[in-house]
């Protein structure tokens, strides 16, 4: 899994084998979150990741949760409640993004996008649409949420979930 911040100035790369996450500037290694740090944070099979520059948000599909890690000291801050949201088997996802005060998480089995408060990881709201079909990716910018679907469709929504196109 990979995530970028600052126009590509920082690249985060996750490795499922050793449960490590590394930060890389374009020309040299800055630091590594070692396996013992991630293990002490009780991360299992870390997947989809994004950052707001201060925190790393890591999706753990086996735990059906998101873990928040402070980048400056590599400390686990909190883990979200289980992301099942009562919609079947729970969120087994690898897609998330941060915009403003929100963390957007794809729910491929509920065909929804869930919005969490990026600081508390509390569920704020979610939205679905008949055209959302097993969402595979999500991005947010300029008040819009872009959702990639199974099969390659790209859907655009307002931040409140109103369908644009």
Protein backbone atom coordinates (compact mmCIF):
# COMPACT_ATOMS: atom_id res chain seq x y z
CA UNK A 1 0.00 0.00 0.00
CA UNK A 2 1.20 3.52 -0.60
CA UNK A 3 0.16 7.07 0.19
CA UNK A 4 1.58 10.46 -0.72
CA UNK A 5 1.49 13.89 0.86
CA UNK A 6 2.74 17.33 0.00
CA UNK A 7 2.56 17.00 -3.77
CA UNK A 8 4.53 13.76 -3.71
CA UNK A 9 7.27 15.06 -1.40
CA UNK A 10 6.64 12.27 1.09
CA UNK A 11 5.78 8.72 0.10
CA UNK A 12 4.59 6.14 2.62
CA UNK A 13 5.04 2.52 1.68
CA UNK A 14 3.51 -0.35 3.66
CA UNK A 15 4.77 -3.88 3.62
CA UNK A 16 2.38 -6.63 4.74
CA UNK A 17 5.21 -9.13 5.22
CA UNK A 18 7.12 -7.38 8.00
CA UNK A 19 4.33 -4.98 9.05
CA UNK A 20 6.59 -1.97 8.57
CA UNK A 21 5.80 1.43 7.17
CA UNK A 22 8.57 3.59 5.75
CA UNK A 23 8.59 7.25 4.82
CA UNK A 24 10.65 8.15 1.77
CA UNK A 25 11.46 11.58 0.35
CA UNK A 26 12.23 11.49 -3.35
CA UNK A 27 15.97 11.04 -2.79
CA UNK A 28 16.55 9.34 0.62
CA UNK A 29 14.97 7.41 3.47
CA UNK A 30 13.69 9.65 6.30
CA UNK A 31 12.63 7.07 8.86
CA UNK A 32 11.10 3.64 9.35
CA UNK A 33 8.28 2.57 11.61
CA UNK A 34 9.82 -0.72 12.68
CA UNK A 35 7.84 -3.94 13.02
CA UNK A 36 8.04 -3.85 16.83
CA UNK A 37 6.37 -0.41 16.90
CA UNK A 38 3.56 -1.56 14.64
CA UNK A 39 3.21 -4.81 16.55
CA UNK A 40 3.11 -2.96 19.88
CA UNK A 41 0.33 -0.85 18.38
CA UNK A 42 -1.42 -4.18 17.74
CA UNK A 43 -1.64 -3.61 14.01
CA UNK A 44 -2.49 -6.70 12.03
CA UNK A 45 -2.08 -6.75 8.27
CA UNK A 46 -1.91 -2.95 7.77
CA UNK A 47 -3.26 -2.01 4.35
CA UNK A 48 -4.79 1.19 3.00
CA UNK A 49 -2.97 4.24 4.33
CA UNK A 50 -3.20 7.98 4.03
CA UNK A 51 -1.70 10.92 5.88
CA UNK A 52 -2.59 14.52 6.61
CA UNK A 53 1.07 15.36 7.23
CA UNK A 54 0.81 14.99 11.02
CA UNK A 55 -0.89 11.62 11.38
CA UNK A 56 -0.85 8.32 9.51
CA UNK A 57 -4.22 6.59 9.12
CA UNK A 58 -3.86 2.82 8.63
CA UNK A 59 -6.72 0.52 7.68
CA UNK A 60 -6.55 -2.89 9.30
CA UNK A 61 -8.98 -5.10 7.38
CA UNK A 62 -8.58 -8.05 9.76
CA UNK A 63 -9.61 -5.82 12.65
CA UNK A 64 -12.19 -3.89 10.58
CA UNK A 65 -10.74 -0.67 11.97
CA UNK A 66 -8.56 2.37 11.31
CA UNK A 67 -5.55 3.12 13.52
CA UNK A 68 -4.25 6.66 13.94
CA UNK A 69 -0.45 6.99 14.38
CA UNK A 70 1.26 10.32 15.16
CA UNK A 71 4.11 10.75 12.66
CA UNK A 72 6.46 12.86 14.79
CA UNK A 73 6.88 10.26 17.56
CA UNK A 74 5.40 7.18 15.80
CA UNK A 75 2.96 6.59 18.65
CA UNK A 76 -0.41 4.95 18.20
CA UNK A 77 -3.00 7.54 19.21
CA UNK A 78 -6.21 5.54 18.88
CA UNK A 79 -8.06 2.88 16.92
CA UNK A 80 -11.55 3.36 15.56
CA UNK A 81 -14.44 1.24 16.71
CA UNK A 82 -15.14 -1.71 14.39
CA UNK A 83 -16.15 -0.30 11.03
CA UNK A 84 -19.01 -2.74 10.38
CA UNK A 85 -21.58 0.05 10.75
CA UNK A 86 -24.19 -2.73 10.92
CA UNK A 87 -24.06 -3.23 7.15
CA UNK A 88 -23.31 -6.92 6.76
CA UNK A 89 -19.83 -8.39 7.03
CA UNK A 90 -18.13 -5.11 7.90
CA UNK A 91 -15.70 -2.95 6.06
CA UNK A 92 -12.92 -4.94 4.47
CA UNK A 93 -11.28 -2.11 2.60
CA UNK A 94 -7.94 -0.72 1.61
CA UNK A 95 -9.10 2.68 0.42
CA UNK A 96 -9.17 5.87 2.48
CA UNK A 97 -8.32 9.55 2.19
CA UNK A 98 -8.23 12.61 4.43
CA UNK A 99 -9.71 16.00 3.54
CA UNK A 100 -10.35 18.83 5.97
CA UNK A 101 -11.49 17.35 9.27
CA UNK A 102 -12.75 14.10 7.74
CA UNK A 103 -11.43 10.64 6.93
CA UNK A 104 -13.28 9.00 4.02
CA UNK A 105 -13.33 5.18 3.99
CA UNK A 106 -14.71 2.96 1.21
CA UNK A 107 -17.09 0.17 2.23
CA UNK A 108 -16.98 -2.28 -0.69
CA UNK A 109 -19.58 -4.66 0.74
CA UNK A 110 -22.03 -2.00 1.91
CA UNK A 111 -21.53 -0.01 -1.33
CA UNK A 112 -21.03 3.15 0.72
CA UNK A 113 -18.47 5.74 1.71
CA UNK A 114 -18.16 6.29 5.45
CA UNK A 115 -16.95 9.60 6.84
CA UNK A 116 -15.11 9.57 10.16
CA UNK A 117 -13.89 12.49 12.22
CA UNK A 118 -10.15 12.42 11.46
CA UNK A 119 -9.19 13.21 15.07
CA UNK A 120 -11.56 11.02 17.09
CA UNK A 121 -12.23 8.40 14.37
CA UNK A 122 -15.91 8.60 15.33
CA UNK A 123 -18.40 7.83 12.57
CA UNK A 124 -19.86 11.16 11.40
CA UNK A 125 -22.05 9.98 8.50
CA UNK A 126 -22.00 7.91 5.35
CA UNK A 127 -23.54 7.92 1.90
CA UNK A 128 -24.43 5.47 -0.79
CA UNK A 129 -25.86 5.72 -4.28
CA UNK A 130 -27.28 3.15 -6.73
CA UNK A 131 -24.21 3.68 -8.94
CA UNK A 132 -21.71 2.89 -6.16
CA UNK A 133 -20.71 -0.73 -6.81
CA UNK A 134 -17.94 -2.18 -4.62
CA UNK A 135 -15.94 1.06 -4.33
CA UNK A 136 -12.22 0.47 -4.73
CA UNK A 137 -10.74 3.94 -4.21
CA UNK A 138 -11.60 7.34 -2.81
CA UNK A 139 -10.13 10.85 -3.04
CA UNK A 140 -11.41 14.22 -1.87
CA UNK A 141 -10.58 17.76 -2.95
CA UNK A 142 -12.33 21.13 -3.31
CA UNK A 143 -15.46 19.91 -1.52
CA UNK A 144 -15.88 16.93 -3.85
CA UNK A 145 -15.48 13.21 -3.15
CA UNK A 146 -14.28 11.00 -6.01
CA UNK A 147 -15.15 7.31 -5.77
CA UNK A 148 -13.60 4.64 -7.99
CA UNK A 149 -15.87 1.66 -8.60
CA UNK A 150 -15.29 -1.95 -9.50
CA UNK A 151 -15.20 -2.01 -13.28
CA UNK A 152 -13.46 1.34 -13.61
CA UNK A 153 -16.27 3.89 -13.18
CA UNK A 154 -15.36 7.18 -11.47
CA UNK A 155 -18.20 8.85 -9.57
CA UNK A 156 -18.22 12.39 -8.16
CA UNK A 157 -20.16 13.46 -5.05
CA UNK A 158 -20.46 16.56 -2.92
CA UNK A 159 -18.94 16.07 0.56
CA UNK A 160 -22.46 15.52 1.94
CA UNK A 161 -23.01 12.60 -0.47
CA UNK A 162 -25.06 14.40 -3.11
CA UNK A 163 -24.39 12.75 -6.49
CA UNK A 164 -22.75 15.11 -9.03
CA UNK A 165 -21.86 12.76 -11.93
